[in-house]
All heavy atoms as atom14 arrays in JSON, in Angstrom:
{
  "sequence": "GLFTTMGEATLFSIGGIGVLIWAFVFLSFHNGILLEKKGKVKKTK",
  "atom14_mask": [
    [1, 1, 1, 1, 0, 0, 0, 0, 0, 0, 0, 0, 0, 0],
    [1, 1, 1, 1, 1, 1, 1, 1, 0, 0, 0, 0, 0, 0],
    [1, 1, 1, 1, 1, 1, 1, 1, 1, 1, 1, 0, 0, 0],
    [1, 1, 1, 1, 1, 1, 1, 0, 0, 0, 0, 0, 0, 0],
    [1, 1, 1, 1, 1, 1, 1, 0, 0, 0, 0, 0, 0, 0],
    [1, 1, 1, 1, 1, 1, 1, 1, 0, 0, 0, 0, 0, 0],
    [1, 1, 1, 1, 0, 0, 0, 0, 0, 0, 0, 0, 0, 0],
    [1, 1, 1, 1, 1, 1, 1, 1, 1, 0, 0, 0, 0, 0],
    [1, 1, 1, 1, 1, 0, 0, 0, 0, 0, 0, 0, 0, 0],
    [1, 1, 1, 1, 1, 1, 1, 0, 0, 0, 0, 0, 0, 0],
    [1, 1, 1, 1, 1, 1, 1, 1, 0, 0, 0, 0, 0, 0],
    [1, 1, 1, 1, 1, 1, 1, 1, 1, 1, 1, 0, 0, 0],
    [1, 1, 1, 1, 1, 1, 0, 0, 0, 0, 0, 0, 0, 0],
    [1, 1, 1, 1, 1, 1, 1, 1, 0, 0, 0, 0, 0, 0],
    [1, 1, 1, 1, 0, 0, 0, 0, 0, 0, 0, 0, 0, 0],
    [1, 1, 1, 1, 0, 0, 0, 0, 0, 0, 0, 0, 0, 0],
    [1, 1, 1, 1, 1, 1, 1, 1, 0, 0, 0, 0, 0, 0],
    [1, 1, 1, 1, 0, 0, 0, 0, 0, 0, 0, 0, 0, 0],
    [1, 1, 1, 1, 1, 1, 1, 0, 0, 0, 0, 0, 0, 0],
    [1, 1, 1, 1, 1, 1, 1, 1, 0, 0, 0, 0, 0, 0],
    [1, 1, 1, 1, 1, 1, 1, 1, 0, 0, 0, 0, 0, 0],
    [1, 1, 1, 1, 1, 1, 1, 1, 1, 1, 1, 1, 1, 1],
    [1, 1, 1, 1, 1, 0, 0, 0, 0, 0, 0, 0, 0, 0],
    [1, 1, 1, 1, 1, 1, 1, 1, 1, 1, 1, 0, 0, 0],
    [1, 1, 1, 1, 1, 1, 1, 0, 0, 0, 0, 0, 0, 0],
    [1, 1, 1, 1, 1, 1, 1, 1, 1, 1, 1, 0, 0, 0],
    [1, 1, 1, 1, 1, 1, 1, 1, 0, 0, 0, 0, 0, 0],
    [1, 1, 1, 1, 1, 1, 0, 0, 0, 0, 0, 0, 0, 0],
    [1, 1, 1, 1, 1, 1, 1, 1, 1, 1, 1, 0, 0, 0],
    [1, 1, 1, 1, 1, 1, 1, 1, 1, 1, 0, 0, 0, 0],
    [1, 1, 1, 1, 1, 1, 1, 1, 0, 0, 0, 0, 0, 0],
    [1, 1, 1, 1, 0, 0, 0, 0, 0, 0, 0, 0, 0, 0],
    [1, 1, 1, 1, 1, 1, 1, 1, 0, 0, 0, 0, 0, 0],
    [1, 1, 1, 1, 1, 1, 1, 1, 0, 0, 0, 0, 0, 0],
    [1, 1, 1, 1, 1, 1, 1, 1, 0, 0, 0, 0, 0, 0],
    [1, 1, 1, 1, 1, 1, 1, 1, 1, 0, 0, 0, 0, 0],
    [1, 1, 1, 1, 1, 1, 1, 1, 1, 0, 0, 0, 0, 0],
    [1, 1, 1, 1, 1, 1, 1, 1, 1, 0, 0, 0, 0, 0],
    [1, 1, 1, 1, 0, 0, 0, 0, 0, 0, 0, 0, 0, 0],
    [1, 1, 1, 1, 1, 1, 1, 1, 1, 0, 0, 0, 0, 0],
    [1, 1, 1, 1, 1, 1, 1, 0, 0, 0, 0, 0, 0, 0],
    [1, 1, 1, 1, 1, 1, 1, 1, 1, 0, 0, 0, 0, 0],
    [1, 1, 1, 1, 1, 1, 1, 1, 1, 0, 0, 0, 0, 0],
    [1, 1, 1, 1, 1, 1, 1, 0, 0, 0, 0, 0, 0, 0],
    [1, 1, 1, 1, 1, 1, 1, 1, 1, 0, 0, 0, 0, 0]
  ],
  "atom14_positions": [
    [[44.83, -1.7, -70.8], [44.75, -2.91, -69.98], [44.91, -4.17, -70.82], [45.63, -5.1, -70.44], [0.0, 0.0, 0.0], [0.0, 0.0, 0.0], [0.0, 0.0, 0.0], [0.0, 0.0, 0.0], [0.0, 0.0, 0.0], [0.0, 0.0, 0.0], [0.0, 0.0, 0.0], [0.0, 0.0, 0.0], [0.0, 0.0, 0.0], [0.0, 0.0, 0.0]],
    [[44.27, -4.22, -71.97], [44.36, -5.38, -72.85], [45.76, -5.49, -73.49], [46.27, -6.6, -73.67], [43.29, -5.3, -73.95], [41.86, -5.52, -73.45], [40.85, -5.13, -74.52], [41.65, -6.98, -73.04], [0.0, 0.0, 0.0], [0.0, 0.0, 0.0], [0.0, 0.0, 0.0], [0.0, 0.0, 0.0], [0.0, 0.0, 0.0], [0.0, 0.0, 0.0]],
    [[46.38, -4.36, -73.81], [47.73, -4.41, -74.36], [48.73, -4.95, -73.33], [49.71, -5.62, -73.7], [48.18, -3.03, -74.84], [47.74, -2.7, -76.24], [46.96, -1.58, -76.51], [48.1, -3.52, -77.3], [46.55, -1.28, -77.8], [47.7, -3.23, -78.6], [46.91, -2.11, -78.85], [0.0, 0.0, 0.0], [0.0, 0.0, 0.0], [0.0, 0.0, 0.0]],
    [[48.5, -4.67, -72.04], [49.42, -5.19, -71.02], [49.4, -6.72, -70.98], [50.38, -7.34, -70.55], [49.08, -4.66, -69.62], [47.79, -5.14, -69.2], [49.11, -3.14, -69.57], [0.0, 0.0, 0.0], [0.0, 0.0, 0.0], [0.0, 0.0, 0.0], [0.0, 0.0, 0.0], [0.0, 0.0, 0.0], [0.0, 0.0, 0.0], [0.0, 0.0, 0.0]],
    [[48.3, -7.31, -71.41], [48.23, -8.78, -71.39], [49.14, -9.41, -72.44], [49.34, -10.62, -72.42], [46.78, -9.27, -71.62], [46.37, -8.98, -72.95], [45.83, -8.64, -70.64], [0.0, 0.0, 0.0], [0.0, 0.0, 0.0], [0.0, 0.0, 0.0], [0.0, 0.0, 0.0], [0.0, 0.0, 0.0], [0.0, 0.0, 0.0], [0.0, 0.0, 0.0]],
    [[49.69, -8.6, -73.33], [50.65, -9.12, -74.3], [52.0, -9.41, -73.65], [52.86, -10.06, -74.25], [50.85, -8.12, -75.45], [49.59, -7.89, -76.3], [48.99, -9.4, -77.1], [47.66, -9.89, -75.99], [0.0, 0.0, 0.0], [0.0, 0.0, 0.0], [0.0, 0.0, 0.0], [0.0, 0.0, 0.0], [0.0, 0.0, 0.0], [0.0, 0.0, 0.0]],
    [[52.2, -8.93, -72.44], [53.43, -9.23, -71.71], [53.17, -9.97, -70.42], [54.08, -10.55, -69.82], [0.0, 0.0, 0.0], [0.0, 0.0, 0.0], [0.0, 0.0, 0.0], [0.0, 0.0, 0.0], [0.0, 0.0, 0.0], [0.0, 0.0, 0.0], [0.0, 0.0, 0.0], [0.0, 0.0, 0.0], [0.0, 0.0, 0.0], [0.0, 0.0, 0.0]],
    [[51.93, -9.95, -69.96], [51.54, -10.64, -68.73], [50.22, -11.35, -68.99], [49.23, -10.71, -69.36], [51.37, -9.65, -67.57], [52.61, -8.81, -67.26], [53.73, -9.61, -66.62], [53.43, -10.7, -66.07], [54.89, -9.17, -66.67], [0.0, 0.0, 0.0], [0.0, 0.0, 0.0], [0.0, 0.0, 0.0], [0.0, 0.0, 0.0], [0.0, 0.0, 0.0]],
    [[50.16, -12.67, -68.79], [48.95, -13.45, -69.08], [47.95, -13.3, -67.94], [47.76, -14.2, -67.12], [49.3, -14.91, -69.3], [0.0, 0.0, 0.0], [0.0, 0.0, 0.0], [0.0, 0.0, 0.0], [0.0, 0.0, 0.0], [0.0, 0.0, 0.0], [0.0, 0.0, 0.0], [0.0, 0.0, 0.0], [0.0, 0.0, 0.0], [0.0, 0.0, 0.0]],
    [[47.28, -12.15, -67.89], [46.37, -11.83, -66.78], [44.89, -11.88, -67.15], [44.04, -11.77, -66.27], [46.69, -10.42, -66.25], [46.66, -9.5, -67.35], [48.06, -10.36, -65.6], [0.0, 0.0, 0.0], [0.0, 0.0, 0.0], [0.0, 0.0, 0.0], [0.0, 0.0, 0.0], [0.0, 0.0, 0.0], [0.0, 0.0, 0.0], [0.0, 0.0, 0.0]],
    [[44.58, -12.04, -68.44], [43.19, -11.88, -68.88], [42.28, -12.98, -68.33], [41.1, -12.75, -68.08], [43.12, -11.87, -70.4], [41.85, -11.27, -71.01], [41.68, -9.81, -70.59], [41.87, -11.38, -72.52], [0.0, 0.0, 0.0], [0.0, 0.0, 0.0], [0.0, 0.0, 0.0], [0.0, 0.0, 0.0], [0.0, 0.0, 0.0], [0.0, 0.0, 0.0]],
    [[42.8, -14.19, -68.14], [42.0, -15.28, -67.61], [42.25, -15.49, -66.12], [41.76, -16.45, -65.53], [42.33, -16.59, -68.35], [42.07, -16.54, -69.82], [42.93, -17.16, -70.71], [40.97, -15.87, -70.32], [42.7, -17.13, -72.09], [40.73, -15.81, -71.69], [41.6, -16.45, -72.57], [0.0, 0.0, 0.0], [0.0, 0.0, 0.0], [0.0, 0.0, 0.0]],
    [[43.03, -14.6, -65.51], [43.44, -14.79, -64.12], [42.29, -14.6, -63.16], [41.42, -13.74, -63.35], [44.56, -13.8, -63.78], [44.87, -13.83, -62.42], [0.0, 0.0, 0.0], [0.0, 0.0, 0.0], [0.0, 0.0, 0.0], [0.0, 0.0, 0.0], [0.0, 0.0, 0.0], [0.0, 0.0, 0.0], [0.0, 0.0, 0.0], [0.0, 0.0, 0.0]],
    [[42.29, -15.39, -62.08], [41.28, -15.19, -61.04], [41.82, -14.31, -59.92], [41.2, -14.16, -58.87], [40.79, -16.54, -60.45], [41.95, -17.26, -59.75], [40.18, -17.41, -61.52], [41.53, -18.43, -58.91], [0.0, 0.0, 0.0], [0.0, 0.0, 0.0], [0.0, 0.0, 0.0], [0.0, 0.0, 0.0], [0.0, 0.0, 0.0], [0.0, 0.0, 0.0]],
    [[43.01, -13.75, -60.15], [43.59, -12.85, -59.17], [42.96, -11.48, -59.25], [41.76, -11.34, -59.52], [0.0, 0.0, 0.0], [0.0, 0.0, 0.0], [0.0, 0.0, 0.0], [0.0, 0.0, 0.0], [0.0, 0.0, 0.0], [0.0, 0.0, 0.0], [0.0, 0.0, 0.0], [0.0, 0.0, 0.0], [0.0, 0.0, 0.0], [0.0, 0.0, 0.0]],
    [[43.76, -10.44, -59.08], [43.2, -9.1, -59.06], [43.35, -8.33, -60.35], [42.46, -7.58, -60.75], [0.0, 0.0, 0.0], [0.0, 0.0, 0.0], [0.0, 0.0, 0.0], [0.0, 0.0, 0.0], [0.0, 0.0, 0.0], [0.0, 0.0, 0.0], [0.0, 0.0, 0.0], [0.0, 0.0, 0.0], [0.0, 0.0, 0.0], [0.0, 0.0, 0.0]],
    [[44.48, -8.5, -61.06], [44.72, -7.71, -62.27], [43.73, -8.08, -63.36], [43.21, -7.21, -64.07], [46.17, -7.9, -62.77], [47.16, -7.4, -61.73], [46.37, -7.15, -64.08], [48.6, -7.51, -62.14], [0.0, 0.0, 0.0], [0.0, 0.0, 0.0], [0.0, 0.0, 0.0], [0.0, 0.0, 0.0], [0.0, 0.0, 0.0], [0.0, 0.0, 0.0]],
    [[43.44, -9.36, -63.51], [42.48, -9.79, -64.53], [41.11, -9.17, -64.3], [40.45, -8.71, -65.24], [0.0, 0.0, 0.0], [0.0, 0.0, 0.0], [0.0, 0.0, 0.0], [0.0, 0.0, 0.0], [0.0, 0.0, 0.0], [0.0, 0.0, 0.0], [0.0, 0.0, 0.0], [0.0, 0.0, 0.0], [0.0, 0.0, 0.0], [0.0, 0.0, 0.0]],
    [[40.68, -9.13, -63.04], [39.38, -8.52, -62.71], [39.39, -7.04, -63.02], [38.41, -6.49, -63.52], [39.05, -8.76, -61.22], [37.84, -7.93, -60.79], [38.77, -10.23, -60.97], [0.0, 0.0, 0.0], [0.0, 0.0, 0.0], [0.0, 0.0, 0.0], [0.0, 0.0, 0.0], [0.0, 0.0, 0.0], [0.0, 0.0, 0.0], [0.0, 0.0, 0.0]],
    [[40.52, -6.37, -62.74], [40.61, -4.93, -63.02], [40.53, -4.66, -64.52], [39.84, -3.72, -64.95], [41.92, -4.38, -62.46], [42.07, -2.85, -62.49], [41.08, -2.19, -61.55], [43.5, -2.43, -62.15], [0.0, 0.0, 0.0], [0.0, 0.0, 0.0], [0.0, 0.0, 0.0], [0.0, 0.0, 0.0], [0.0, 0.0, 0.0], [0.0, 0.0, 0.0]],
    [[41.2, -5.48, -65.33], [41.14, -5.3, -66.78], [39.73, -5.52, -67.3], [39.22, -4.75, -68.12], [42.13, -6.25, -67.48], [43.57, -5.85, -67.14], [41.93, -6.22, -69.0], [44.62, -6.82, -67.63], [0.0, 0.0, 0.0], [0.0, 0.0, 0.0], [0.0, 0.0, 0.0], [0.0, 0.0, 0.0], [0.0, 0.0, 0.0], [0.0, 0.0, 0.0]],
    [[39.05, -6.58, -66.82], [37.67, -6.82, -67.25], [36.74, -5.71, -66.75], [35.76, -5.37, -67.42], [37.19, -8.18, -66.76], [37.71, -9.31, -67.59], [38.61, -10.26, -67.24], [37.37, -9.58, -68.96], [38.86, -11.11, -68.29], [38.11, -10.72, -69.36], [36.52, -8.99, -69.89], [38.02, -11.28, -70.65], [36.43, -9.54, -71.17], [37.17, -10.66, -71.53]],
    [[37.06, -5.14, -65.59], [36.27, -4.01, -65.1], [36.37, -2.83, -66.06], [35.37, -2.16, -66.34], [36.76, -3.59, -63.7], [0.0, 0.0, 0.0], [0.0, 0.0, 0.0], [0.0, 0.0, 0.0], [0.0, 0.0, 0.0], [0.0, 0.0, 0.0], [0.0, 0.0, 0.0], [0.0, 0.0, 0.0], [0.0, 0.0, 0.0], [0.0, 0.0, 0.0]],
    [[37.56, -2.57, -66.59], [37.74, -1.5, -67.57], [36.97, -1.81, -68.86], [36.38, -0.92, -69.47], [39.23, -1.32, -67.89], [40.03, -0.76, -66.76], [41.39, -1.01, -66.66], [39.44, 0.04, -65.79], [42.14, -0.49, -65.62], [40.18, 0.57, -64.73], [41.54, 0.3, -64.66], [0.0, 0.0, 0.0], [0.0, 0.0, 0.0], [0.0, 0.0, 0.0]],
    [[36.99, -3.08, -69.27], [36.24, -3.48, -70.47], [34.76, -3.21, -70.27], [34.07, -2.67, -71.15], [36.48, -4.97, -70.78], [35.51, -5.45, -71.87], [37.92, -5.21, -71.23], [0.0, 0.0, 0.0], [0.0, 0.0, 0.0], [0.0, 0.0, 0.0], [0.0, 0.0, 0.0], [0.0, 0.0, 0.0], [0.0, 0.0, 0.0], [0.0, 0.0, 0.0]],
    [[34.23, -3.56, -69.09], [32.8, -3.38, -68.84], [32.43, -1.92, -68.6], [31.29, -1.54, -68.83], [32.35, -4.27, -67.69], [32.26, -5.72, -68.07], [32.92, -6.69, -67.35], [31.52, -6.1, -69.17], [32.85, -8.03, -67.71], [31.43, -7.44, -69.54], [32.1, -8.41, -68.81], [0.0, 0.0, 0.0], [0.0, 0.0, 0.0], [0.0, 0.0, 0.0]],
    [[33.36, -1.12, -68.1], [33.12, 0.32, -68.02], [32.83, 0.86, -69.42], [31.92, 1.66, -69.63], [34.32, 1.04, -67.43], [34.42, 1.18, -65.92], [35.73, 1.84, -65.52], [33.24, 1.98, -65.38], [0.0, 0.0, 0.0], [0.0, 0.0, 0.0], [0.0, 0.0, 0.0], [0.0, 0.0, 0.0], [0.0, 0.0, 0.0], [0.0, 0.0, 0.0]],
    [[33.64, 0.42, -70.37], [33.45, 0.82, -71.76], [32.12, 0.29, -72.28], [31.39, 0.99, -73.0], [34.61, 0.29, -72.62], [34.41, 0.59, -73.98], [0.0, 0.0, 0.0], [0.0, 0.0, 0.0], [0.0, 0.0, 0.0], [0.0, 0.0, 0.0], [0.0, 0.0, 0.0], [0.0, 0.0, 0.0], [0.0, 0.0, 0.0], [0.0, 0.0, 0.0]],
    [[31.78, -0.95, -71.93], [30.54, -1.58, -72.38], [29.32, -0.81, -71.85], [28.42, -0.45, -72.62], [30.5, -3.02, -71.89], [29.23, -3.76, -72.23], [29.05, -4.3, -73.5], [28.22, -3.92, -71.31], [27.89, -4.99, -73.83], [27.05, -4.6, -71.62], [26.9, -5.14, -72.89], [0.0, 0.0, 0.0], [0.0, 0.0, 0.0], [0.0, 0.0, 0.0]],
    [[29.3, -0.54, -70.55], [28.18, 0.2, -69.95], [28.11, 1.63, -70.49], [27.02, 2.18, -70.68], [28.31, 0.23, -68.42], [28.2, -1.12, -67.78], [27.15, -1.97, -68.03], [28.99, -1.75, -66.88], [27.31, -3.08, -67.31], [28.41, -2.97, -66.61], [0.0, 0.0, 0.0], [0.0, 0.0, 0.0], [0.0, 0.0, 0.0], [0.0, 0.0, 0.0]],
    [[29.28, 2.22, -70.73], [29.31, 3.57, -71.27], [28.73, 3.59, -72.69], [28.02, 4.53, -73.06], [30.76, 4.09, -71.3], [30.83, 5.58, -71.55], [30.21, 6.36, -70.85], [31.59, 5.97, -72.55], [0.0, 0.0, 0.0], [0.0, 0.0, 0.0], [0.0, 0.0, 0.0], [0.0, 0.0, 0.0], [0.0, 0.0, 0.0], [0.0, 0.0, 0.0]],
    [[29.01, 2.55, -73.46], [28.45, 2.44, -74.8], [26.93, 2.37, -74.79], [26.25, 2.99, -75.61], [0.0, 0.0, 0.0], [0.0, 0.0, 0.0], [0.0, 0.0, 0.0], [0.0, 0.0, 0.0], [0.0, 0.0, 0.0], [0.0, 0.0, 0.0], [0.0, 0.0, 0.0], [0.0, 0.0, 0.0], [0.0, 0.0, 0.0], [0.0, 0.0, 0.0]],
    [[26.4, 1.6, -73.82], [24.94, 1.49, -73.69], [24.33, 2.84, -73.31], [23.3, 3.25, -73.86], [24.57, 0.43, -72.64], [24.98, -0.96, -73.14], [23.09, 0.46, -72.32], [24.75, -2.07, -72.14], [0.0, 0.0, 0.0], [0.0, 0.0, 0.0], [0.0, 0.0, 0.0], [0.0, 0.0, 0.0], [0.0, 0.0, 0.0], [0.0, 0.0, 0.0]],
    [[25.01, 3.56, -72.39], [24.52, 4.87, -71.98], [24.54, 5.85, -73.16], [23.57, 6.6, -73.37], [25.37, 5.41, -70.83], [24.96, 6.76, -70.25], [23.56, 6.7, -69.64], [25.97, 7.22, -69.19], [0.0, 0.0, 0.0], [0.0, 0.0, 0.0], [0.0, 0.0, 0.0], [0.0, 0.0, 0.0], [0.0, 0.0, 0.0], [0.0, 0.0, 0.0]],
    [[25.62, 5.86, -73.93], [25.72, 6.75, -75.09], [24.68, 6.38, -76.14], [24.14, 7.24, -76.82], [27.13, 6.67, -75.69], [28.27, 7.2, -74.81], [29.62, 6.94, -75.48], [28.1, 8.69, -74.53], [0.0, 0.0, 0.0], [0.0, 0.0, 0.0], [0.0, 0.0, 0.0], [0.0, 0.0, 0.0], [0.0, 0.0, 0.0], [0.0, 0.0, 0.0]],
    [[24.42, 5.07, -76.25], [23.41, 4.59, -77.2], [22.03, 5.12, -76.82], [21.25, 5.57, -77.67], [23.42, 3.06, -77.19], [22.97, 2.43, -78.49], [23.21, 0.93, -78.48], [22.83, 0.28, -77.48], [23.78, 0.41, -79.44], [0.0, 0.0, 0.0], [0.0, 0.0, 0.0], [0.0, 0.0, 0.0], [0.0, 0.0, 0.0], [0.0, 0.0, 0.0]],
    [[21.72, 5.07, -75.52], [20.43, 5.57, -75.02], [20.29, 7.07, -75.28], [19.25, 7.55, -75.73], [20.3, 5.3, -73.52], [20.08, 3.84, -73.16], [19.98, 3.69, -71.65], [19.75, 2.24, -71.26], [19.73, 2.07, -69.78], [0.0, 0.0, 0.0], [0.0, 0.0, 0.0], [0.0, 0.0, 0.0], [0.0, 0.0, 0.0], [0.0, 0.0, 0.0]],
    [[21.37, 7.81, -75.0], [21.34, 9.25, -75.2], [21.15, 9.59, -76.67], [20.45, 10.52, -77.03], [22.62, 9.89, -74.67], [22.74, 9.84, -73.14], [24.11, 10.28, -72.66], [24.33, 11.75, -72.89], [25.64, 12.21, -72.35], [0.0, 0.0, 0.0], [0.0, 0.0, 0.0], [0.0, 0.0, 0.0], [0.0, 0.0, 0.0], [0.0, 0.0, 0.0]],
    [[21.78, 8.79, -77.55], [21.63, 9.0, -78.98], [20.21, 8.78, -79.45], [19.69, 9.52, -80.27], [0.0, 0.0, 0.0], [0.0, 0.0, 0.0], [0.0, 0.0, 0.0], [0.0, 0.0, 0.0], [0.0, 0.0, 0.0], [0.0, 0.0, 0.0], [0.0, 0.0, 0.0], [0.0, 0.0, 0.0], [0.0, 0.0, 0.0], [0.0, 0.0, 0.0]],
    [[19.57, 7.74, -78.89], [18.19, 7.45, -79.26], [17.24, 8.54, -78.8], [16.3, 8.91, -79.49], [17.77, 6.1, -78.67], [18.4, 4.91, -79.35], [17.96, 3.6, -78.72], [18.59, 2.41, -79.43], [18.21, 1.12, -78.81], [0.0, 0.0, 0.0], [0.0, 0.0, 0.0], [0.0, 0.0, 0.0], [0.0, 0.0, 0.0], [0.0, 0.0, 0.0]],
    [[17.52, 9.1, -77.6], [16.69, 10.18, -77.08], [16.77, 11.4, -77.99], [15.77, 12.04, -78.31], [17.11, 10.55, -75.64], [16.43, 11.84, -75.2], [16.76, 9.42, -74.68], [0.0, 0.0, 0.0], [0.0, 0.0, 0.0], [0.0, 0.0, 0.0], [0.0, 0.0, 0.0], [0.0, 0.0, 0.0], [0.0, 0.0, 0.0], [0.0, 0.0, 0.0]],
    [[17.99, 11.71, -78.44], [18.18, 12.87, -79.33], [17.44, 12.68, -80.65], [16.81, 13.59, -81.17], [19.67, 13.09, -79.58], [20.42, 13.65, -78.38], [21.89, 13.85, -78.71], [22.64, 14.41, -77.51], [24.07, 14.59, -77.8], [0.0, 0.0, 0.0], [0.0, 0.0, 0.0], [0.0, 0.0, 0.0], [0.0, 0.0, 0.0], [0.0, 0.0, 0.0]],
    [[17.52, 11.49, -81.19], [16.84, 11.2, -82.46], [15.33, 11.3, -82.3], [14.63, 11.83, -83.16], [17.21, 9.79, -82.94], [18.63, 9.7, -83.48], [18.91, 8.27, -83.96], [20.35, 8.18, -84.48], [20.66, 6.8, -84.93], [0.0, 0.0, 0.0], [0.0, 0.0, 0.0], [0.0, 0.0, 0.0], [0.0, 0.0, 0.0], [0.0, 0.0, 0.0]],
    [[14.82, 10.85, -81.18], [13.37, 10.91, -80.91], [12.91, 12.36, -80.82], [11.88, 12.74, -81.37], [13.04, 10.18, -79.59], [13.5, 8.85, -79.69], [11.55, 10.18, -79.34], [0.0, 0.0, 0.0], [0.0, 0.0, 0.0], [0.0, 0.0, 0.0], [0.0, 0.0, 0.0], [0.0, 0.0, 0.0], [0.0, 0.0, 0.0], [0.0, 0.0, 0.0]],
    [[13.71, 13.17, -80.16], [13.36, 14.59, -80.03], [13.34, 15.26, -81.39], [12.49, 16.09, -81.67], [14.37, 15.28, -79.1], [14.19, 14.94, -77.63], [15.18, 15.7, -76.76], [14.97, 15.41, -75.3], [15.93, 16.13, -74.44], [0.0, 0.0, 0.0], [0.0, 0.0, 0.0], [0.0, 0.0, 0.0], [0.0, 0.0, 0.0], [0.0, 0.0, 0.0]]
  ]
}
């Protein structure tokens, strides 16, 4: 999604594609937090 912005200036857009790209970024962000939590649980055990 971020590489596509090198040909289309959508990252700051208030339309739909910009929101979709940021949604993918935040999916990764939330997934990182979830993996972080799981890692901490394993270490605690």
